[in-house]
Amino acid sequence: MAGTALVTGGATGMGRATAYLLAARGYRVAIDHLGSGAQAEQVAHEIGGIAYEADVADIGAVDALVGAVESDLGPIDVAVACAGFDVDVALAEVTEDLWHRSLAVMLGGCANVIASVGPRMRARRRGSIVGISSELALLGDENHVPYVTAKSAMIGLVRSIAREYGPDQVRVNIVCPGPTDTAMLTQRWRGEDYRNSIALNRFGTPDELARAIVDVAEWTWLTGQVISPNGGVVIQ
């Protein structure tokens, strides 16, 4: 299926691993970042891709990003909305700015990617969009309320858009990774008690999650689905 792929949040963690795997599978890869220039340029250099800087919370910036990618690398066949951040904070300590930024980057960022690349894919009658949520969207967590709220809302967004875009053969799915050994896995999650709550008794690796993300992107009869590779934190 190889063609052109865009990965937002592609400079680090799961996004970085996904960019590498997409390149290994033959895609021309565009990496979007915000403030991670050196890391993004290194990834782009190593995979023969191009790094761009755009704030996914800004629809104008995302429109410009998508236009630049398609001009430089060709029509986008796969878009992975992986940009995000987390703050370990109880609800009583959440500021208005944190609420707004969490929703703008994760929910809004995913929506902006869909809104920008989706019409182009629909016109071509092909394409795959994958939003990256979290297993916490399936469980809830008292110390990550803005993050969990935004990630949960992404599920409703993707399910709704999958119904809208389906007749035009554009697939839209969401991956809810479990605890993965990246910089976002805070020290609170790294304790033995939490690891023991995982059926496989270990954290996932970015490469394992990248395989799930790319497989979902390439699965041609899958849309509107929530796929959660999580090592058995959630069993349903």
C-alpha atoms as a PDB file:
ATOM      1  CA  MET A   1       0.000   0.000   0.000  1.00  0.00           C
ATOM      2  CA  ALA A   2       3.051   2.258   0.266  1.00  0.00           C
ATOM      3  CA  GLY A   3       2.689   5.910  -0.698  1.00  0.00           C
ATOM      4  CA  THR A   4       2.986   9.030   1.457  1.00  0.00           C
ATOM      5  CA  ALA A   5       2.445   9.060   5.226  1.00  0.00           C
ATOM      6  CA  LEU A   6       2.173  11.941   7.694  1.00  0.00           C
ATOM      7  CA  VAL A   7       2.895  11.385  11.389  1.00  0.00           C
ATOM      8  CA  THR A   8       2.164  14.218  13.798  1.00  0.00           C
ATOM      9  CA  GLY A   9       4.192  13.974  16.991  1.00  0.00           C
ATOM     10  CA  GLY A  10       6.699  12.010  14.928  1.00  0.00           C
ATOM     11  CA  ALA A  11       9.935  13.184  16.544  1.00  0.00           C
ATOM     12  CA  THR A  12       9.805  11.079  19.708  1.00  0.00           C
ATOM     13  CA  GLY A  13       8.299   7.989  21.329  1.00  0.00           C
ATOM     14  CA  MET A  14       5.592   6.049  19.522  1.00  0.00           C
ATOM     15  CA  GLY A  15       5.359   8.619  16.749  1.00  0.00           C
ATOM     16  CA  ARG A  16       9.066   8.268  16.047  1.00  0.00           C
ATOM     17  CA  ALA A  17       8.868   4.467  15.979  1.00  0.00           C
ATOM     18  CA  THR A  18       5.845   4.678  13.684  1.00  0.00           C
ATOM     19  CA  ALA A  19       7.720   6.947  11.277  1.00  0.00           C
ATOM     20  CA  TYR A  20      10.611   4.484  11.115  1.00  0.00           C
ATOM     21  CA  LEU A  21       8.307   1.534  10.463  1.00  0.00           C
ATOM     22  CA  LEU A  22       6.334   3.358   7.783  1.00  0.00           C
ATOM     23  CA  ALA A  23       9.604   4.180   6.027  1.00  0.00           C
ATOM     24  CA  ALA A  24      10.706   0.550   6.319  1.00  0.00           C
ATOM     25  CA  ARG A  25       7.465  -0.467   4.615  1.00  0.00           C
ATOM     26  CA  GLY A  26       8.187   1.817   1.703  1.00  0.00           C
ATOM     27  CA  TYR A  27       6.316   5.023   2.553  1.00  0.00           C
ATOM     28  CA  ARG A  28       7.592   8.524   1.937  1.00  0.00           C
ATOM     29  CA  VAL A  29       7.268   9.905   5.459  1.00  0.00           C
ATOM     30  CA  ALA A  30       6.555  13.414   6.702  1.00  0.00           C
ATOM     31  CA  ILE A  31       7.142  14.089  10.397  1.00  0.00           C
ATOM     32  CA  ASP A  32       5.419  16.941  12.177  1.00  0.00           C
ATOM     33  CA  HIS A  33       6.750  18.283  15.470  1.00  0.00           C
ATOM     34  CA  LEU A  34       6.492  21.337  17.695  1.00  0.00           C
ATOM     35  CA  GLY A  35       9.728  22.447  19.316  1.00  0.00           C
ATOM     36  CA  SER A  36      11.639  19.190  18.713  1.00  0.00           C
ATOM     37  CA  GLY A  37      13.599  20.320  15.679  1.00  0.00           C
ATOM     38  CA  ALA A  38      16.870  18.468  16.253  1.00  0.00           C
ATOM     39  CA  GLN A  39      15.134  15.176  17.012  1.00  0.00           C
ATOM     40  CA  ALA A  40      12.738  15.535  14.085  1.00  0.00           C
ATOM     41  CA  GLU A  41      15.525  16.378  11.654  1.00  0.00           C
ATOM     42  CA  GLN A  42      17.519  13.363  12.833  1.00  0.00           C
ATOM     43  CA  VAL A  43      14.571  11.037  12.280  1.00  0.00           C
ATOM     44  CA  ALA A  44      13.845  12.559   8.879  1.00  0.00           C
ATOM     45  CA  HIS A  45      17.486  12.199   7.851  1.00  0.00           C
ATOM     46  CA  GLU A  46      17.641   8.562   8.936  1.00  0.00           C
ATOM     47  CA  ILE A  47      14.442   7.532   7.144  1.00  0.00           C
ATOM     48  CA  GLY A  48      14.799   9.723   4.063  1.00  0.00           C
ATOM     49  CA  GLY A  49      11.741  11.764   5.017  1.00  0.00           C
ATOM     50  CA  ILE A  50      11.018  15.431   5.660  1.00  0.00           C
ATOM     51  CA  ALA A  51      10.447  17.163   9.011  1.00  0.00           C
ATOM     52  CA  TYR A  52       7.925  19.983   9.363  1.00  0.00           C
ATOM     53  CA  GLU A  53       6.984  22.142  12.342  1.00  0.00           C
ATOM     54  CA  ALA A  54       3.319  22.934  12.931  1.00  0.00           C
ATOM     55  CA  ASP A  55       1.077  23.262  15.972  1.00  0.00           C
ATOM     56  CA  VAL A  56      -1.694  20.704  15.449  1.00  0.00           C
ATOM     57  CA  ALA A  57      -4.005  22.800  17.638  1.00  0.00           C
ATOM     58  CA  ASP A  58      -4.023  25.463  14.895  1.00  0.00           C
ATOM     59  CA  ILE A  59      -6.184  24.439  11.926  1.00  0.00           C
ATOM     60  CA  GLY A  60      -4.476  26.998   9.689  1.00  0.00           C
ATOM     61  CA  ALA A  61      -1.080  25.531  10.529  1.00  0.00           C
ATOM     62  CA  VAL A  62      -2.350  22.008   9.856  1.00  0.00           C
ATOM     63  CA  ASP A  63      -3.828  23.040   6.508  1.00  0.00           C
ATOM     64  CA  ALA A  64      -0.478  24.554   5.542  1.00  0.00           C
ATOM     65  CA  LEU A  65       1.328  21.426   6.751  1.00  0.00           C
ATOM     66  CA  VAL A  66      -0.852  19.084   4.705  1.00  0.00           C
ATOM     67  CA  GLY A  67      -0.482  21.278   1.635  1.00  0.00           C
ATOM     68  CA  ALA A  68       3.301  21.333   1.997  1.00  0.00           C
ATOM     69  CA  VAL A  69       3.526  17.568   2.501  1.00  0.00           C
ATOM     70  CA  GLU A  70       1.423  16.826  -0.571  1.00  0.00           C
ATOM     71  CA  SER A  71       3.455  19.308  -2.618  1.00  0.00           C
ATOM     72  CA  ASP A  72       6.775  17.813  -1.463  1.00  0.00           C
ATOM     73  CA  LEU A  73       5.969  14.097  -1.206  1.00  0.00           C
ATOM     74  CA  GLY A  74       2.708  13.487  -3.034  1.00  0.00           C
ATOM     75  CA  PRO A  75      -0.859  12.715  -1.921  1.00  0.00           C
ATOM     76  CA  ILE A  76      -1.120  11.565   1.696  1.00  0.00           C
ATOM     77  CA  ASP A  77      -2.282   7.952   1.913  1.00  0.00           C
ATOM     78  CA  VAL A  78      -1.829   7.474   5.673  1.00  0.00           C
ATOM     79  CA  ALA A  79      -2.158  10.090   8.419  1.00  0.00           C
ATOM     80  CA  VAL A  80      -1.310   9.243  12.028  1.00  0.00           C
ATOM     81  CA  ALA A  81      -2.417  11.792  14.650  1.00  0.00           C
ATOM     82  CA  CYS A  82       0.058  11.082  17.438  1.00  0.00           C
ATOM     83  CA  ALA A  83       0.779  14.526  18.897  1.00  0.00           C
ATOM     84  CA  GLY A  84       0.040  14.780  22.607  1.00  0.00           C
ATOM     85  CA  PHE A  85       1.276  15.480  26.105  1.00  0.00           C
ATOM     86  CA  ASP A  86       0.368  14.505  29.650  1.00  0.00           C
ATOM     87  CA  VAL A  87       0.547  16.136  33.082  1.00  0.00           C
ATOM     88  CA  ASP A  88       0.277  14.044  36.249  1.00  0.00           C
ATOM     89  CA  VAL A  89      -2.154  16.232  38.204  1.00  0.00           C
ATOM     90  CA  ALA A  90      -5.309  15.832  40.266  1.00  0.00           C
ATOM     91  CA  LEU A  91      -8.496  17.537  39.090  1.00  0.00           C
ATOM     92  CA  ALA A  92      -8.399  20.139  41.880  1.00  0.00           C
ATOM     93  CA  GLU A  93      -5.022  21.333  40.568  1.00  0.00           C
ATOM     94  CA  VAL A  94      -5.966  21.547  36.886  1.00  0.00           C
ATOM     95  CA  THR A  95      -5.752  25.087  35.521  1.00  0.00           C
ATOM     96  CA  GLU A  96      -8.000  26.510  32.835  1.00  0.00           C
ATOM     97  CA  ASP A  97      -5.001  26.788  30.528  1.00  0.00           C
ATOM     98  CA  LEU A  98      -4.181  23.091  30.998  1.00  0.00           C
ATOM     99  CA  TRP A  99      -7.780  22.132  30.206  1.00  0.00           C
ATOM    100  CA  HIS A 100      -7.797  24.211  27.049  1.00  0.00           C
ATOM    101  CA  ARG A 101      -4.371  23.080  25.840  1.00  0.00           C
ATOM    102  CA  SER A 102      -5.100  19.388  26.502  1.00  0.00           C
ATOM    103  CA  LEU A 103      -8.305  19.514  24.487  1.00  0.00           C
ATOM    104  CA  ALA A 104      -6.771  21.684  21.765  1.00  0.00           C
ATOM    105  CA  VAL A 105      -3.706  19.497  21.180  1.00  0.00           C
ATOM    106  CA  MET A 106      -5.157  16.001  21.509  1.00  0.00           C
ATOM    107  CA  LEU A 107      -8.828  16.228  20.556  1.00  0.00           C
ATOM    108  CA  GLY A 108      -8.434  19.355  18.436  1.00  0.00           C
ATOM    109  CA  GLY A 109      -5.185  18.147  16.900  1.00  0.00           C
ATOM    110  CA  CYS A 110      -6.760  14.900  15.761  1.00  0.00           C
ATOM    111  CA  ALA A 111      -9.838  16.736  14.470  1.00  0.00           C
ATOM    112  CA  ASN A 112      -7.663  19.224  12.580  1.00  0.00           C
ATOM    113  CA  VAL A 113      -5.672  16.467  10.890  1.00  0.00           C
ATOM    114  CA  ILE A 114      -8.913  14.769   9.859  1.00  0.00           C
ATOM    115  CA  ALA A 115     -10.499  18.021   8.682  1.00  0.00           C
ATOM    116  CA  SER A 116      -7.466  18.909   6.577  1.00  0.00           C
ATOM    117  CA  VAL A 117      -6.425  15.604   5.044  1.00  0.00           C
ATOM    118  CA  GLY A 118      -9.859  13.958   5.012  1.00  0.00           C
ATOM    119  CA  PRO A 119     -11.451  15.890   2.122  1.00  0.00           C
ATOM    120  CA  ARG A 120      -8.368  15.235  -0.009  1.00  0.00           C
ATOM    121  CA  MET A 121      -8.585  11.510   0.708  1.00  0.00           C
ATOM    122  CA  ARG A 122     -12.319  11.466   0.024  1.00  0.00           C
ATOM    123  CA  ALA A 123     -11.819  13.132  -3.339  1.00  0.00           C
ATOM    124  CA  ARG A 124      -9.283  10.428  -4.224  1.00  0.00           C
ATOM    125  CA  ARG A 125     -11.489   7.689  -2.720  1.00  0.00           C
ATOM    126  CA  ARG A 126      -8.653   6.201  -0.736  1.00  0.00           C
ATOM    127  CA  GLY A 127      -6.782   6.819   2.489  1.00  0.00           C
ATOM    128  CA  SER A 128      -6.381   5.816   6.109  1.00  0.00           C
ATOM    129  CA  ILE A 129      -6.363   7.966   9.249  1.00  0.00           C
ATOM    130  CA  VAL A 130      -5.304   6.645  12.658  1.00  0.00           C
ATOM    131  CA  GLY A 131      -5.807   8.617  15.863  1.00  0.00           C
ATOM    132  CA  ILE A 132      -3.662   7.709  18.867  1.00  0.00           C
ATOM    133  CA  SER A 133      -5.625   7.670  22.118  1.00  0.00           C
ATOM    134  CA  SER A 134      -4.747   5.713  25.293  1.00  0.00           C
ATOM    135  CA  GLU A 135      -5.915   2.721  27.277  1.00  0.00           C
ATOM    136  CA  LEU A 136      -6.705   5.263  30.008  1.00  0.00           C
ATOM    137  CA  ALA A 137      -9.579   6.391  27.796  1.00  0.00           C
ATOM    138  CA  LEU A 138     -11.049   2.928  28.420  1.00  0.00           C
ATOM    139  CA  LEU A 139     -10.290   2.884  32.157  1.00  0.00           C
ATOM    140  CA  GLY A 140     -10.260   6.451  33.472  1.00  0.00           C
ATOM    141  CA  ASP A 141      -7.628   7.781  35.859  1.00  0.00           C
ATOM    142  CA  GLU A 142      -7.988  10.208  38.750  1.00  0.00           C
ATOM    143  CA  ASN A 143      -4.618  11.890  38.187  1.00  0.00           C
ATOM    144  CA  HIS A 144      -4.830  12.490  34.441  1.00  0.00           C
ATOM    145  CA  VAL A 145      -8.296  13.988  33.972  1.00  0.00           C
ATOM    146  CA  PRO A 146      -7.540  16.482  31.147  1.00  0.00           C
ATOM    147  CA  TYR A 147      -5.524  13.864  29.271  1.00  0.00           C
ATOM    148  CA  VAL A 148      -8.130  11.125  29.705  1.00  0.00           C
ATOM    149  CA  THR A 149     -10.969  13.475  28.795  1.00  0.00           C
ATOM    150  CA  ALA A 150      -9.284  14.506  25.543  1.00  0.00           C
ATOM    151  CA  LYS A 151      -8.273  10.954  24.662  1.00  0.00           C
ATOM    152  CA  SER A 152     -11.786   9.648  25.385  1.00  0.00           C
ATOM    153  CA  ALA A 153     -13.359  12.307  23.178  1.00  0.00           C
ATOM    154  CA  MET A 154     -11.076  11.232  20.340  1.00  0.00           C
ATOM    155  CA  ILE A 155     -12.854   7.878  20.294  1.00  0.00           C
ATOM    156  CA  GLY A 156     -16.233   9.495  19.674  1.00  0.00           C
ATOM    157  CA  LEU A 157     -14.700  11.743  17.025  1.00  0.00           C
ATOM    158  CA  VAL A 158     -13.143   8.873  15.093  1.00  0.00           C
ATOM    159  CA  ARG A 159     -16.222   6.658  15.270  1.00  0.00           C
ATOM    160  CA  SER A 160     -18.373   9.473  13.911  1.00  0.00           C
ATOM    161  CA  ILE A 161     -15.990  10.412  11.108  1.00  0.00           C
ATOM    162  CA  ALA A 162     -15.632   6.751  10.112  1.00  0.00           C
ATOM    163  CA  ARG A 163     -19.352   6.689   9.330  1.00  0.00           C
ATOM    164  CA  GLU A 164     -19.126   9.918   7.348  1.00  0.00           C
ATOM    165  CA  TYR A 165     -16.033   8.963   5.352  1.00  0.00           C
ATOM    166  CA  GLY A 166     -16.786   5.259   4.855  1.00  0.00           C
ATOM    167  CA  PRO A 167     -18.777   5.601   1.612  1.00  0.00           C
ATOM    168  CA  ASP A 168     -15.739   7.324   0.080  1.00  0.00           C
ATOM    169  CA  GLN A 169     -13.453   4.412   1.048  1.00  0.00           C
ATOM    170  CA  VAL A 170     -11.512   6.418   3.640  1.00  0.00           C
ATOM    171  CA  ARG A 171     -10.812   4.427   6.802  1.00  0.00           C
ATOM    172  CA  VAL A 172     -10.636   6.107  10.211  1.00  0.00           C
ATOM    173  CA  ASN A 173      -9.628   4.136  13.306  1.00  0.00           C
ATOM    174  CA  ILE A 174      -8.168   4.727  16.736  1.00  0.00           C
ATOM    175  CA  VAL A 175      -5.393   2.944  18.615  1.00  0.00           C
ATOM    176  CA  CYS A 176      -5.405   3.037  22.433  1.00  0.00           C
ATOM    177  CA  PRO A 177      -1.892   2.033  23.525  1.00  0.00           C
ATOM    178  CA  GLY A 178      -1.288   0.646  26.966  1.00  0.00           C
ATOM    179  CA  PRO A 179       1.689   1.661  29.149  1.00  0.00           C
ATOM    180  CA  THR A 180       4.630   2.038  26.801  1.00  0.00           C
ATOM    181  CA  ASP A 181       8.254   2.660  27.718  1.00  0.00           C
ATOM    182  CA  THR A 182       8.594   6.228  26.463  1.00  0.00           C
ATOM    183  CA  ALA A 183       9.383   9.558  28.108  1.00  0.00           C
ATOM    184  CA  MET A 184       5.647  10.102  28.700  1.00  0.00           C
ATOM    185  CA  LEU A 185       5.475   7.103  31.048  1.00  0.00           C
ATOM    186  CA  THR A 186       5.821   9.008  34.312  1.00  0.00           C
ATOM    187  CA  GLN A 187       7.660   7.691  37.343  1.00  0.00           C
ATOM    188  CA  ARG A 188       4.361   7.015  39.105  1.00  0.00           C
ATOM    189  CA  TRP A 189       3.510   4.425  36.454  1.00  0.00           C
ATOM    190  CA  ARG A 190       6.898   2.717  36.582  1.00  0.00           C
ATOM    191  CA  GLY A 191       6.492   1.085  39.992  1.00  0.00           C
ATOM    192  CA  GLU A 192       6.348  -2.667  40.497  1.00  0.00           C
ATOM    193  CA  ASP A 193       2.709  -2.590  41.652  1.00  0.00           C
ATOM    194  CA  TYR A 194       1.535  -1.060  38.404  1.00  0.00           C
ATOM    195  CA  ARG A 195       3.688  -3.337  36.271  1.00  0.00           C
ATOM    196  CA  ASN A 196       2.205  -6.321  38.098  1.00  0.00           C
ATOM    197  CA  SER A 197      -1.275  -5.166  37.056  1.00  0.00           C
ATOM    198  CA  ILE A 198      -0.307  -5.792  33.424  1.00  0.00           C
ATOM    199  CA  ALA A 199      -1.154  -9.363  32.416  1.00  0.00           C
ATOM    200  CA  LEU A 200       2.121  -9.675  30.480  1.00  0.00           C
ATOM    201  CA  ASN A 201       3.969  -8.115  33.449  1.00  0.00           C
ATOM    202  CA  ARG A 202       5.941  -5.637  31.363  1.00  0.00           C
ATOM    203  CA  PHE A 203       5.592  -2.351  29.538  1.00  0.00           C
ATOM    204  CA  GLY A 204       5.167  -2.204  25.796  1.00  0.00           C
ATOM    205  CA  THR A 205       7.921  -0.898  23.568  1.00  0.00           C
ATOM    206  CA  PRO A 206       7.529   1.881  20.997  1.00  0.00           C
ATOM    207  CA  ASP A 207       8.329  -0.610  18.241  1.00  0.00           C
ATOM    208  CA  GLU A 208       5.524  -2.931  19.378  1.00  0.00           C
ATOM    209  CA  LEU A 209       3.035  -0.084  19.345  1.00  0.00           C
ATOM    210  CA  ALA A 210       4.274   1.125  15.964  1.00  0.00           C
ATOM    211  CA  ARG A 211       3.527  -2.296  14.481  1.00  0.00           C
ATOM    212  CA  ALA A 212      -0.046  -2.094  15.757  1.00  0.00           C
ATOM    213  CA  ILE A 213      -0.488   1.457  14.444  1.00  0.00           C
ATOM    214  CA  VAL A 214       0.847   0.690  10.971  1.00  0.00           C
ATOM    215  CA  ASP A 215      -1.077  -2.580  10.746  1.00  0.00           C
ATOM    216  CA  VAL A 216      -4.299  -0.732  11.602  1.00  0.00           C
ATOM    217  CA  ALA A 217      -3.454   1.915   9.000  1.00  0.00           C
ATOM    218  CA  GLU A 218      -3.014  -0.748   6.325  1.00  0.00           C
ATOM    219  CA  TRP A 219      -5.960  -2.973   7.260  1.00  0.00           C
ATOM    220  CA  THR A 220      -8.258  -2.374   4.312  1.00  0.00           C
ATOM    221  CA  TRP A 221     -11.537  -3.615   5.826  1.00  0.00           C
ATOM    222  CA  LEU A 222     -11.265  -1.884   9.181  1.00  0.00           C
ATOM    223  CA  THR A 223     -12.897   1.416  10.068  1.00  0.00           C
ATOM    224  CA  GLY A 224     -14.496   3.029  13.099  1.00  0.00           C
ATOM    225  CA  GLN A 225     -12.702   0.613  15.412  1.00  0.00           C
ATOM    226  CA  VAL A 226     -10.901   1.021  18.730  1.00  0.00           C
ATOM    227  CA  ILE A 227      -7.812  -1.190  18.875  1.00  0.00           C
ATOM    228  CA  SER A 228      -5.999  -1.366  22.212  1.00  0.00           C
ATOM    229  CA  PRO A 229      -2.631  -3.139  22.363  1.00  0.00           C
ATOM    230  CA  ASN A 230      -2.068  -2.900  26.121  1.00  0.00           C
ATOM    231  CA  GLY A 231      -0.411  -6.058  27.421  1.00  0.00           C
ATOM    232  CA  GLY A 232      -3.558  -7.046  29.285  1.00  0.00           C
ATOM    233  CA  VAL A 233      -4.128  -3.920  31.376  1.00  0.00           C
ATOM    234  CA  VAL A 234      -7.565  -3.915  29.772  1.00  0.00           C
ATOM    235  CA  ILE A 235      -9.111  -7.275  28.897  1.00  0.00           C
ATOM    236  CA  GLN A 236     -12.512  -7.118  27.258  1.00  0.00           C
END
